[in-house]
């Protein structure tokens, strides 16, 4: 073959290879292709029990804007039942890598689970994730609840909270930790979490009020505990007030440090929202009277007035009047 022809053929072959490579890269870079690949990677890792690989896939998917795909993989894995432990560990590890992205994925998983009637399995996985992952996982789950409320899907978050709390034991404790983190965040997150908890209360009153009571007082030696309680109490209005009020009544009835923490939280809540605080205290009074345990609550309210001054006294008086 002549040298010129050979050179031309080599140039043409190189041109074809380069163009094919570019086309493949462009195809793999398309959002749909990327989302599908990331979802497949997460699902494969979850199915094989490789929590670390699944966590990386979830974090990467969320970081690239494909939280929905990661969430669907999580929901499907949790629904399988046998993968609950792997799903929980993957969420915990993903939260440590990318807390906000994991929250987005979990929010999508909640929506998927709620639409298929499989929230119970996901709630169990979320509780285990918080137990394993601690603060970062609790914050991610709480933020996922808030995002669900923000997306107009309060029912998905409420169902997970209700089922997790109703399971009792470590699951209920984990839900309390997540609620506490959400309330401590303050602002819109605290309000959204309180809204989800209020709807959860309508489904499982006793279990959710127990979890809320624990959330309000679980960190008695930590100032953030009172801040969390204050956020919750201050947000109390309408349907929130009954759930928060019952939790307050249960917390103060235990006396000691929990009652003192509740008093401090009430005093702080008055500064944020006097009317909301009065509504919650009014519900707490009704609950305490019904259970015959008004003494502990009255003592806590006296402490709150001592700490909060005139504004606290006015809110407590308003609560009694209601």
C-alpha atoms as a PDB file:
ATOM      1  CA  UNK A   1       0.000   0.000   0.000  1.00  0.00           C
ATOM      2  CA  UNK A   2       1.273   3.430  -0.898  1.00  0.00           C
ATOM      3  CA  UNK A   3       2.500   5.526   2.044  1.00  0.00           C
ATOM      4  CA  UNK A   4       0.021   8.333   1.276  1.00  0.00           C
ATOM      5  CA  UNK A   5      -2.986   5.974   1.281  1.00  0.00           C
ATOM      6  CA  UNK A   6      -1.798   4.338   4.491  1.00  0.00           C
ATOM      7  CA  UNK A   7      -1.485   7.723   6.169  1.00  0.00           C
ATOM      8  CA  UNK A   8      -4.990   8.713   5.060  1.00  0.00           C
ATOM      9  CA  UNK A   9      -6.454   5.472   6.391  1.00  0.00           C
ATOM     10  CA  UNK A  10      -4.743   5.975   9.743  1.00  0.00           C
ATOM     11  CA  UNK A  11      -6.102   9.524   9.998  1.00  0.00           C
ATOM     12  CA  UNK A  12      -9.638   8.323   9.172  1.00  0.00           C
ATOM     13  CA  UNK A  13      -9.430   5.524  11.746  1.00  0.00           C
ATOM     14  CA  UNK A  14      -8.236   7.942  14.416  1.00  0.00           C
ATOM     15  CA  UNK A  15     -11.079  10.339  13.536  1.00  0.00           C
ATOM     16  CA  UNK A  16     -13.676   7.565  13.973  1.00  0.00           C
ATOM     17  CA  UNK A  17     -12.242   6.463  17.325  1.00  0.00           C
ATOM     18  CA  UNK A  18     -12.173  10.027  18.679  1.00  0.00           C
ATOM     19  CA  UNK A  19     -15.737  10.729  17.566  1.00  0.00           C
ATOM     20  CA  UNK A  20     -17.052   7.476  19.025  1.00  0.00           C
ATOM     21  CA  UNK A  21     -15.334   8.231  22.331  1.00  0.00           C
ATOM     22  CA  UNK A  22     -16.809  11.719  22.378  1.00  0.00           C
ATOM     23  CA  UNK A  23     -20.288  10.326  21.666  1.00  0.00           C
ATOM     24  CA  UNK A  24     -19.973   7.816  24.492  1.00  0.00           C
ATOM     25  CA  UNK A  25     -18.853  10.495  26.913  1.00  0.00           C
ATOM     26  CA  UNK A  26     -21.727  12.747  25.888  1.00  0.00           C
ATOM     27  CA  UNK A  27     -24.240   9.936  26.317  1.00  0.00           C
ATOM     28  CA  UNK A  28     -22.918   9.007  29.737  1.00  0.00           C
ATOM     29  CA  UNK A  29     -22.989  12.664  30.719  1.00  0.00           C
ATOM     30  CA  UNK A  30     -26.697  13.043  30.003  1.00  0.00           C
ATOM     31  CA  UNK A  31     -28.757  13.494  33.208  1.00  0.00           C
ATOM     32  CA  UNK A  32     -30.966  10.502  32.486  1.00  0.00           C
ATOM     33  CA  UNK A  33     -28.050   8.200  31.789  1.00  0.00           C
ATOM     34  CA  UNK A  34     -26.144   9.422  34.845  1.00  0.00           C
ATOM     35  CA  UNK A  35     -29.150   9.084  37.144  1.00  0.00           C
ATOM     36  CA  UNK A  36     -29.875   5.577  35.890  1.00  0.00           C
ATOM     37  CA  UNK A  37     -26.259   4.527  36.321  1.00  0.00           C
ATOM     38  CA  UNK A  38     -26.036   5.957  39.827  1.00  0.00           C
ATOM     39  CA  UNK A  39     -29.330   4.394  40.856  1.00  0.00           C
ATOM     40  CA  UNK A  40     -28.161   1.064  39.464  1.00  0.00           C
ATOM     41  CA  UNK A  41     -24.861   1.355  41.336  1.00  0.00           C
ATOM     42  CA  UNK A  42     -26.636   2.128  44.608  1.00  0.00           C
ATOM     43  CA  UNK A  43     -29.179  -0.652  44.129  1.00  0.00           C
ATOM     44  CA  UNK A  44     -26.486  -3.179  43.230  1.00  0.00           C
ATOM     45  CA  UNK A  45     -24.388  -2.281  46.268  1.00  0.00           C
ATOM     46  CA  UNK A  46     -27.399  -2.423  48.588  1.00  0.00           C
ATOM     47  CA  UNK A  47     -28.487  -5.743  47.142  1.00  0.00           C
ATOM     48  CA  UNK A  48     -25.053  -7.263  47.640  1.00  0.00           C
ATOM     49  CA  UNK A  49     -24.790  -5.998  51.219  1.00  0.00           C
ATOM     50  CA  UNK A  50     -21.959  -3.564  50.460  1.00  0.00           C
ATOM     51  CA  UNK A  51     -23.062  -0.619  52.607  1.00  0.00           C
ATOM     52  CA  UNK A  52     -19.899   1.417  52.032  1.00  0.00           C
ATOM     53  CA  UNK A  53     -20.213   1.244  48.253  1.00  0.00           C
ATOM     54  CA  UNK A  54     -23.901   2.071  48.531  1.00  0.00           C
ATOM     55  CA  UNK A  55     -23.119   5.062  50.758  1.00  0.00           C
ATOM     56  CA  UNK A  56     -20.644   6.388  48.205  1.00  0.00           C
ATOM     57  CA  UNK A  57     -23.156   5.923  45.385  1.00  0.00           C
ATOM     58  CA  UNK A  58     -25.885   7.700  47.371  1.00  0.00           C
ATOM     59  CA  UNK A  59     -23.625  10.607  48.301  1.00  0.00           C
ATOM     60  CA  UNK A  60     -22.370  10.957  44.711  1.00  0.00           C
ATOM     61  CA  UNK A  61     -25.868  10.754  43.243  1.00  0.00           C
ATOM     62  CA  UNK A  62     -27.165  13.423  45.602  1.00  0.00           C
ATOM     63  CA  UNK A  63     -24.164  15.657  44.962  1.00  0.00           C
ATOM     64  CA  UNK A  64     -24.803  15.508  41.213  1.00  0.00           C
ATOM     65  CA  UNK A  65     -28.488  16.345  41.568  1.00  0.00           C
ATOM     66  CA  UNK A  66     -29.821  12.805  41.308  1.00  0.00           C
ATOM     67  CA  UNK A  67     -31.200  12.432  44.826  1.00  0.00           C
ATOM     68  CA  UNK A  68     -34.456  11.010  43.478  1.00  0.00           C
ATOM     69  CA  UNK A  69     -32.668   8.048  41.920  1.00  0.00           C
ATOM     70  CA  UNK A  70     -30.753   7.388  45.136  1.00  0.00           C
ATOM     71  CA  UNK A  71     -33.945   7.709  47.170  1.00  0.00           C
ATOM     72  CA  UNK A  72     -35.764   5.171  45.042  1.00  0.00           C
ATOM     73  CA  UNK A  73     -32.908   2.719  45.510  1.00  0.00           C
ATOM     74  CA  UNK A  74     -33.060   3.233  49.289  1.00  0.00           C
ATOM     75  CA  UNK A  75     -36.824   2.761  49.436  1.00  0.00           C
ATOM     76  CA  UNK A  76     -36.688  -0.403  47.348  1.00  0.00           C
ATOM     77  CA  UNK A  77     -33.848  -1.818  49.426  1.00  0.00           C
ATOM     78  CA  UNK A  78     -35.651  -1.136  52.712  1.00  0.00           C
ATOM     79  CA  UNK A  79     -38.863  -2.632  51.340  1.00  0.00           C
ATOM     80  CA  UNK A  80     -37.007  -5.858  50.600  1.00  0.00           C
ATOM     81  CA  UNK A  81     -36.807  -6.460  54.346  1.00  0.00           C
ATOM     82  CA  UNK A  82     -33.647  -8.532  54.300  1.00  0.00           C
ATOM     83  CA  UNK A  83     -31.594  -5.435  53.426  1.00  0.00           C
ATOM     84  CA  UNK A  84     -32.678  -3.252  56.357  1.00  0.00           C
ATOM     85  CA  UNK A  85     -29.322  -3.398  58.131  1.00  0.00           C
ATOM     86  CA  UNK A  86     -27.380  -2.624  54.953  1.00  0.00           C
ATOM     87  CA  UNK A  87     -29.769   0.209  54.086  1.00  0.00           C
ATOM     88  CA  UNK A  88     -29.378   1.695  57.561  1.00  0.00           C
ATOM     89  CA  UNK A  89     -25.589   1.488  57.487  1.00  0.00           C
ATOM     90  CA  UNK A  90     -25.495   3.022  54.007  1.00  0.00           C
ATOM     91  CA  UNK A  91     -27.620   5.978  55.159  1.00  0.00           C
ATOM     92  CA  UNK A  92     -25.433   6.479  58.227  1.00  0.00           C
ATOM     93  CA  UNK A  93     -22.214   6.419  56.186  1.00  0.00           C
ATOM     94  CA  UNK A  94     -23.675   8.592  53.423  1.00  0.00           C
ATOM     95  CA  UNK A  95     -24.755  11.183  56.015  1.00  0.00           C
ATOM     96  CA  UNK A  96     -21.182  11.371  57.271  1.00  0.00           C
ATOM     97  CA  UNK A  97     -19.990  12.017  53.698  1.00  0.00           C
ATOM     98  CA  UNK A  98     -22.735  14.372  52.503  1.00  0.00           C
ATOM     99  CA  UNK A  99     -25.349  15.221  55.128  1.00  0.00           C
ATOM    100  CA  UNK A 100     -27.464  17.544  52.993  1.00  0.00           C
ATOM    101  CA  UNK A 101     -27.372  15.281  49.967  1.00  0.00           C
ATOM    102  CA  UNK A 102     -28.328  12.288  52.078  1.00  0.00           C
ATOM    103  CA  UNK A 103     -31.267  14.250  53.489  1.00  0.00           C
ATOM    104  CA  UNK A 104     -32.476  14.881  49.942  1.00  0.00           C
ATOM    105  CA  UNK A 105     -32.172  11.191  49.079  1.00  0.00           C
ATOM    106  CA  UNK A 106     -33.992  10.130  52.261  1.00  0.00           C
ATOM    107  CA  UNK A 107     -36.765  12.639  51.555  1.00  0.00           C
ATOM    108  CA  UNK A 108     -37.223  11.068  48.130  1.00  0.00           C
ATOM    109  CA  UNK A 109     -37.151   7.610  49.717  1.00  0.00           C
ATOM    110  CA  UNK A 110     -39.911   8.654  52.132  1.00  0.00           C
ATOM    111  CA  UNK A 111     -42.097   9.754  49.229  1.00  0.00           C
ATOM    112  CA  UNK A 112     -41.444   6.500  47.379  1.00  0.00           C
ATOM    113  CA  UNK A 113     -42.125   4.357  50.454  1.00  0.00           C
ATOM    114  CA  UNK A 114     -45.309   6.220  51.282  1.00  0.00           C
ATOM    115  CA  UNK A 115     -46.644   5.818  47.749  1.00  0.00           C
ATOM    116  CA  UNK A 116     -46.089   2.051  47.888  1.00  0.00           C
ATOM    117  CA  UNK A 117     -47.269   1.534  51.464  1.00  0.00           C
ATOM    118  CA  UNK A 118     -43.821   0.427  52.649  1.00  0.00           C
ATOM    119  CA  UNK A 119     -43.047   3.203  55.127  1.00  0.00           C
ATOM    120  CA  UNK A 120     -42.649   0.833  58.064  1.00  0.00           C
ATOM    121  CA  UNK A 121     -39.576  -0.850  56.615  1.00  0.00           C
ATOM    122  CA  UNK A 122     -37.963   2.481  55.758  1.00  0.00           C
ATOM    123  CA  UNK A 123     -38.775   3.889  59.219  1.00  0.00           C
ATOM    124  CA  UNK A 124     -36.966   0.925  60.751  1.00  0.00           C
ATOM    125  CA  UNK A 125     -33.939   1.556  58.535  1.00  0.00           C
ATOM    126  CA  UNK A 126     -33.913   5.263  59.417  1.00  0.00           C
ATOM    127  CA  UNK A 127     -34.035   4.504  63.134  1.00  0.00           C
ATOM    128  CA  UNK A 128     -31.146   2.069  62.790  1.00  0.00           C
ATOM    129  CA  UNK A 129     -29.212   4.636  60.750  1.00  0.00           C
ATOM    130  CA  UNK A 130     -29.559   7.223  63.522  1.00  0.00           C
ATOM    131  CA  UNK A 131     -28.540   4.660  66.146  1.00  0.00           C
ATOM    132  CA  UNK A 132     -25.429   3.801  64.126  1.00  0.00           C
ATOM    133  CA  UNK A 133     -24.539   7.201  62.696  1.00  0.00           C
ATOM    134  CA  UNK A 134     -25.298   9.475  65.635  1.00  0.00           C
ATOM    135  CA  UNK A 135     -25.531  13.216  65.120  1.00  0.00           C
ATOM    136  CA  UNK A 136     -24.889  13.432  61.376  1.00  0.00           C
ATOM    137  CA  UNK A 137     -27.450  10.726  60.606  1.00  0.00           C
ATOM    138  CA  UNK A 138     -29.994  12.251  63.003  1.00  0.00           C
ATOM    139  CA  UNK A 139     -29.552  15.645  61.355  1.00  0.00           C
ATOM    140  CA  UNK A 140     -29.932  14.142  57.881  1.00  0.00           C
ATOM    141  CA  UNK A 141     -33.117  12.293  58.853  1.00  0.00           C
ATOM    142  CA  UNK A 142     -34.562  15.392  60.551  1.00  0.00           C
ATOM    143  CA  UNK A 143     -33.791  17.508  57.494  1.00  0.00           C
ATOM    144  CA  UNK A 144     -35.412  14.849  55.303  1.00  0.00           C
ATOM    145  CA  UNK A 145     -38.569  15.147  57.401  1.00  0.00           C
ATOM    146  CA  UNK A 146     -38.479  18.929  56.996  1.00  0.00           C
ATOM    147  CA  UNK A 147     -37.946  18.653  53.233  1.00  0.00           C
ATOM    148  CA  UNK A 148     -40.887  16.264  52.954  1.00  0.00           C
ATOM    149  CA  UNK A 149     -43.087  18.820  54.703  1.00  0.00           C
ATOM    150  CA  UNK A 150     -41.738  21.572  52.458  1.00  0.00           C
ATOM    151  CA  UNK A 151     -42.597  19.497  49.397  1.00  0.00           C
ATOM    152  CA  UNK A 152     -46.186  19.157  50.578  1.00  0.00           C
ATOM    153  CA  UNK A 153     -45.760  15.546  51.670  1.00  0.00           C
ATOM    154  CA  UNK A 154     -46.093  15.864  55.437  1.00  0.00           C
ATOM    155  CA  UNK A 155     -47.845  12.491  55.519  1.00  0.00           C
ATOM    156  CA  UNK A 156     -44.674  10.667  54.442  1.00  0.00           C
ATOM    157  CA  UNK A 157     -42.599  12.148  57.268  1.00  0.00           C
ATOM    158  CA  UNK A 158     -45.412  11.756  59.798  1.00  0.00           C
ATOM    159  CA  UNK A 159     -45.894   8.091  58.961  1.00  0.00           C
ATOM    160  CA  UNK A 160     -42.182   7.370  59.397  1.00  0.00           C
ATOM    161  CA  UNK A 161     -42.084   9.191  62.747  1.00  0.00           C
ATOM    162  CA  UNK A 162     -45.239   7.456  63.958  1.00  0.00           C
ATOM    163  CA  UNK A 163     -44.120   3.974  62.964  1.00  0.00           C
ATOM    164  CA  UNK A 164     -40.595   4.489  64.260  1.00  0.00           C
ATOM    165  CA  UNK A 165     -41.885   5.764  67.609  1.00  0.00           C
ATOM    166  CA  UNK A 166     -44.497   3.014  67.884  1.00  0.00           C
ATOM    167  CA  UNK A 167     -41.779   0.374  67.482  1.00  0.00           C
ATOM    168  CA  UNK A 168     -40.462   1.419  70.906  1.00  0.00           C
ATOM    169  CA  UNK A 169     -37.019   0.745  72.327  1.00  0.00           C
ATOM    170  CA  UNK A 170     -34.023   1.827  70.280  1.00  0.00           C
ATOM    171  CA  UNK A 171     -36.245   2.784  67.351  1.00  0.00           C
ATOM    172  CA  UNK A 172     -38.251   5.250  69.450  1.00  0.00           C
ATOM    173  CA  UNK A 173     -35.059   6.653  70.969  1.00  0.00           C
ATOM    174  CA  UNK A 174     -33.628   7.198  67.494  1.00  0.00           C
ATOM    175  CA  UNK A 175     -36.762   9.028  66.384  1.00  0.00           C
ATOM    176  CA  UNK A 176     -36.510  11.214  69.488  1.00  0.00           C
ATOM    177  CA  UNK A 177     -32.901  12.024  68.604  1.00  0.00           C
ATOM    178  CA  UNK A 178     -33.856  12.968  65.051  1.00  0.00           C
ATOM    179  CA  UNK A 179     -36.733  15.134  66.292  1.00  0.00           C
ATOM    180  CA  UNK A 180     -34.441  16.829  68.787  1.00  0.00           C
ATOM    181  CA  UNK A 181     -31.918  17.652  66.057  1.00  0.00           C
ATOM    182  CA  UNK A 182     -34.656  19.045  63.843  1.00  0.00           C
ATOM    183  CA  UNK A 183     -36.107  21.208  66.596  1.00  0.00           C
ATOM    184  CA  UNK A 184     -32.661  22.427  67.631  1.00  0.00           C
ATOM    185  CA  UNK A 185     -32.084  23.658  64.075  1.00  0.00           C
ATOM    186  CA  UNK A 186     -34.704  26.326  64.679  1.00  0.00           C
ATOM    187  CA  UNK A 187     -36.383  28.390  61.978  1.00  0.00           C
ATOM    188  CA  UNK A 188     -38.220  26.691  59.156  1.00  0.00           C
ATOM    189  CA  UNK A 189     -36.683  23.301  59.886  1.00  0.00           C
ATOM    190  CA  UNK A 190     -37.981  23.301  63.470  1.00  0.00           C
ATOM    191  CA  UNK A 191     -41.437  24.378  62.345  1.00  0.00           C
ATOM    192  CA  UNK A 192     -41.568  21.713  59.640  1.00  0.00           C
ATOM    193  CA  UNK A 193     -40.402  18.966  62.001  1.00  0.00           C
ATOM    194  CA  UNK A 194     -42.951  20.102  64.591  1.00  0.00           C
ATOM    195  CA  UNK A 195     -45.647  19.935  61.919  1.00  0.00           C
ATOM    196  CA  UNK A 196     -44.625  16.401  60.950  1.00  0.00           C
ATOM    197  CA  UNK A 197     -44.546  15.366  64.618  1.00  0.00           C
ATOM    198  CA  UNK A 198     -48.003  16.851  65.166  1.00  0.00           C
ATOM    199  CA  UNK A 199     -49.441  14.795  62.315  1.00  0.00           C
ATOM    200  CA  UNK A 200     -47.569  11.742  63.584  1.00  0.00           C
ATOM    201  CA  UNK A 201     -49.156  12.362  66.996  1.00  0.00           C
ATOM    202  CA  UNK A 202     -52.612  12.071  65.436  1.00  0.00           C
ATOM    203  CA  UNK A 203     -51.638   8.568  64.274  1.00  0.00           C
ATOM    204  CA  UNK A 204     -49.803   7.277  67.345  1.00  0.00           C
ATOM    205  CA  UNK A 205     -50.555   9.705  70.226  1.00  0.00           C
ATOM    206  CA  UNK A 206     -48.864   7.921  73.107  1.00  0.00           C
ATOM    207  CA  UNK A 207     -45.778   6.749  71.231  1.00  0.00           C
ATOM    208  CA  UNK A 208     -45.144  10.078  69.530  1.00  0.00           C
ATOM    209  CA  UNK A 209     -45.716  12.119  72.688  1.00  0.00           C
ATOM    210  CA  UNK A 210     -43.200   9.869  74.456  1.00  0.00           C
ATOM    211  CA  UNK A 211     -40.687  10.471  71.664  1.00  0.00           C
ATOM    212  CA  UNK A 212     -41.340  14.207  71.766  1.00  0.00           C
ATOM    213  CA  UNK A 213     -40.959  14.298  75.540  1.00  0.00           C
ATOM    214  CA  UNK A 214     -37.629  12.543  75.176  1.00  0.00           C
ATOM    215  CA  UNK A 215     -36.622  14.893  72.351  1.00  0.00           C
ATOM    216  CA  UNK A 216     -37.409  17.915  74.501  1.00  0.00           C
ATOM    217  CA  UNK A 217     -35.331  16.759  77.448  1.00  0.00           C
ATOM    218  CA  UNK A 218     -32.800  14.150  76.300  1.00  0.00           C
ATOM    219  CA  UNK A 219     -29.801  16.469  76.619  1.00  0.00           C
ATOM    220  CA  UNK A 220     -30.388  18.015  80.032  1.00  0.00           C
ATOM    221  CA  UNK A 221     -26.733  18.878  80.540  1.00  0.00           C
ATOM    222  CA  UNK A 222     -26.457  20.420  77.073  1.00  0.00           C
ATOM    223  CA  UNK A 223     -27.867  23.929  76.481  1.00  0.00           C
ATOM    224  CA  UNK A 224     -28.899  22.792  73.005  1.00  0.00           C
ATOM    225  CA  UNK A 225     -31.465  20.565  74.686  1.00  0.00           C
ATOM    226  CA  UNK A 226     -33.353  23.553  76.045  1.00  0.00           C
ATOM    227  CA  UNK A 227     -32.933  25.342  72.723  1.00  0.00           C
ATOM    228  CA  UNK A 228     -34.533  22.385  70.958  1.00  0.00           C
ATOM    229  CA  UNK A 229     -37.418  22.361  73.386  1.00  0.00           C
ATOM    230  CA  UNK A 230     -37.855  26.116  73.066  1.00  0.00           C
ATOM    231  CA  UNK A 231     -38.042  25.843  69.283  1.00  0.00           C
ATOM    232  CA  UNK A 232     -40.731  23.192  69.541  1.00  0.00           C
ATOM    233  CA  UNK A 233     -42.784  25.002  72.151  1.00  0.00           C
ATOM    234  CA  UNK A 234     -42.552  28.324  70.348  1.00  0.00           C
ATOM    235  CA  UNK A 235     -43.822  26.730  67.134  1.00  0.00           C
ATOM    236  CA  UNK A 236     -46.882  25.282  68.880  1.00  0.00           C
ATOM    237  CA  UNK A 237     -50.134  26.417  67.337  1.00  0.00           C
ATOM    238  CA  UNK A 238     -53.226  24.668  66.095  1.00  0.00           C
ATOM    239  CA  UNK A 239     -52.589  20.943  65.803  1.00  0.00           C
ATOM    240  CA  UNK A 240     -49.016  21.307  67.059  1.00  0.00           C
ATOM    241  CA  UNK A 241     -50.088  22.524  70.475  1.00  0.00           C
ATOM    242  CA  UNK A 242     -51.727  19.283  71.582  1.00  0.00           C
ATOM    243  CA  UNK A 243     -48.712  17.149  70.692  1.00  0.00           C
ATOM    244  CA  UNK A 244     -46.208  19.551  72.261  1.00  0.00           C
ATOM    245  CA  UNK A 245     -48.438  20.087  75.299  1.00  0.00           C
ATOM    246  CA  UNK A 246     -48.742  16.389  76.058  1.00  0.00           C
ATOM    247  CA  UNK A 247     -45.001  15.965  75.648  1.00  0.00           C
ATOM    248  CA  UNK A 248     -44.415  18.824  78.091  1.00  0.00           C
ATOM    249  CA  UNK A 249     -46.794  17.295  80.619  1.00  0.00           C
ATOM    250  CA  UNK A 250     -45.026  13.938  80.396  1.00  0.00           C
ATOM    251  CA  UNK A 251     -41.580  15.506  80.688  1.00  0.00           C
ATOM    252  CA  UNK A 252     -42.415  17.609  83.741  1.00  0.00           C
ATOM    253  CA  UNK A 253     -44.209  14.692  85.408  1.00  0.00           C
ATOM    254  CA  UNK A 254     -40.858  12.893  85.576  1.00  0.00           C
ATOM    255  CA  UNK A 255     -39.516  15.659  87.810  1.00  0.00           C
ATOM    256  CA  UNK A 256     -35.862  16.334  88.498  1.00  0.00           C
ATOM    257  CA  UNK A 257     -33.614  17.462  85.670  1.00  0.00           C
ATOM    258  CA  UNK A 258     -36.268  16.857  83.014  1.00  0.00           C
ATOM    259  CA  UNK A 259     -38.753  19.135  84.748  1.00  0.00           C
ATOM    260  CA  UNK A 260     -36.059  21.802  85.175  1.00  0.00           C
ATOM    261  CA  UNK A 261     -35.115  21.546  81.503  1.00  0.00           C
ATOM    262  CA  UNK A 262     -38.778  21.921  80.554  1.00  0.00           C
ATOM    263  CA  UNK A 263     -39.079  25.028  82.721  1.00  0.00           C
ATOM    264  CA  UNK A 264     -36.024  26.558  81.077  1.00  0.00           C
ATOM    265  CA  UNK A 265     -37.384  25.719  77.636  1.00  0.00           C
ATOM    266  CA  UNK A 266     -40.741  27.342  78.422  1.00  0.00           C
ATOM    267  CA  UNK A 267     -38.981  30.497  79.634  1.00  0.00           C
ATOM    268  CA  UNK A 268     -36.946  30.665  76.410  1.00  0.00           C
ATOM    269  CA  UNK A 269     -39.922  29.835  74.189  1.00  0.00           C
ATOM    270  CA  UNK A 270     -41.867  32.805  75.544  1.00  0.00           C
ATOM    271  CA  UNK A 271     -39.227  35.116  74.091  1.00  0.00           C
ATOM    272  CA  UNK A 272     -39.775  33.597  70.644  1.00  0.00           C
ATOM    273  CA  UNK A 273     -43.537  33.191  70.513  1.00  0.00           C
ATOM    274  CA  UNK A 274     -45.670  34.034  73.583  1.00  0.00           C
ATOM    275  CA  UNK A 275     -48.949  32.905  72.005  1.00  0.00           C
ATOM    276  CA  UNK A 276     -47.553  29.594  70.778  1.00  0.00           C
ATOM    277  CA  UNK A 277     -46.031  28.961  74.195  1.00  0.00           C
ATOM    278  CA  UNK A 278     -49.332  29.717  75.918  1.00  0.00           C
ATOM    279  CA  UNK A 279     -51.136  27.298  73.585  1.00  0.00           C
ATOM    280  CA  UNK A 280     -48.685  24.495  74.380  1.00  0.00           C
ATOM    281  CA  UNK A 281     -48.793  25.159  78.132  1.00  0.00           C
ATOM    282  CA  UNK A 282     -52.602  25.202  78.035  1.00  0.00           C
ATOM    283  CA  UNK A 283     -52.584  21.742  76.466  1.00  0.00           C
ATOM    284  CA  UNK A 284     -50.004  20.590  79.017  1.00  0.00           C
ATOM    285  CA  UNK A 285     -52.253  21.778  81.840  1.00  0.00           C
ATOM    286  CA  UNK A 286     -55.205  19.861  80.404  1.00  0.00           C
ATOM    287  CA  UNK A 287     -53.101  16.708  80.116  1.00  0.00           C
ATOM    288  CA  UNK A 288     -51.707  17.097  83.638  1.00  0.00           C
ATOM    289  CA  UNK A 289     -55.181  17.582  85.082  1.00  0.00           C
ATOM    290  CA  UNK A 290     -56.479  14.525  83.248  1.00  0.00           C
ATOM    291  CA  UNK A 291     -53.669  12.391  84.662  1.00  0.00           C
ATOM    292  CA  UNK A 292     -53.786  13.923  88.147  1.00  0.00           C
ATOM    293  CA  UNK A 293     -50.176  15.155  87.936  1.00  0.00           C
ATOM    294  CA  UNK A 294     -50.585  18.910  88.094  1.00  0.00           C
ATOM    295  CA  UNK A 295     -48.073  19.423  90.899  1.00  0.00           C
ATOM    296  CA  UNK A 296     -44.944  18.782  88.833  1.00  0.00           C
ATOM    297  CA  UNK A 297     -46.167  20.962  85.976  1.00  0.00           C
ATOM    298  CA  UNK A 298     -47.141  23.782  88.338  1.00  0.00           C
ATOM    299  CA  UNK A 299     -43.646  23.703  89.826  1.00  0.00           C
ATOM    300  CA  UNK A 300     -42.070  23.796  86.362  1.00  0.00           C
ATOM    301  CA  UNK A 301     -44.260  26.743  85.384  1.00  0.00           C
ATOM    302  CA  UNK A 302     -43.213  28.594  88.534  1.00  0.00           C
ATOM    303  CA  UNK A 303     -39.580  28.037  87.592  1.00  0.00           C
ATOM    304  CA  UNK A 304     -40.308  29.258  84.059  1.00  0.00           C
ATOM    305  CA  UNK A 305     -41.850  32.462  85.397  1.00  0.00           C
ATOM    306  CA  UNK A 306     -38.853  33.013  87.681  1.00  0.00           C
ATOM    307  CA  UNK A 307     -36.499  32.633  84.720  1.00  0.00           C
ATOM    308  CA  UNK A 308     -38.591  34.338  82.039  1.00  0.00           C
ATOM    309  CA  UNK A 309     -39.949  37.264  84.010  1.00  0.00           C
ATOM    310  CA  UNK A 310     -43.041  39.236  83.057  1.00  0.00           C
ATOM    311  CA  UNK A 311     -43.404  37.767  79.559  1.00  0.00           C
ATOM    312  CA  UNK A 312     -43.359  34.225  80.953  1.00  0.00           C
ATOM    313  CA  UNK A 313     -45.847  35.175  83.660  1.00  0.00           C
ATOM    314  CA  UNK A 314     -48.179  36.627  81.032  1.00  0.00           C
ATOM    315  CA  UNK A 315     -47.947  33.502  78.845  1.00  0.00           C
ATOM    316  CA  UNK A 316     -48.646  31.209  81.805  1.00  0.00           C
ATOM    317  CA  UNK A 317     -51.611  33.349  82.846  1.00  0.00           C
ATOM    318  CA  UNK A 318     -52.906  33.191  79.276  1.00  0.00           C
ATOM    319  CA  UNK A 319     -52.528  29.408  79.331  1.00  0.00           C
ATOM    320  CA  UNK A 320     -54.560  29.111  82.524  1.00  0.00           C
ATOM    321  CA  UNK A 321     -57.233  31.372  81.023  1.00  0.00           C
ATOM    322  CA  UNK A 322     -57.520  29.164  77.959  1.00  0.00           C
END
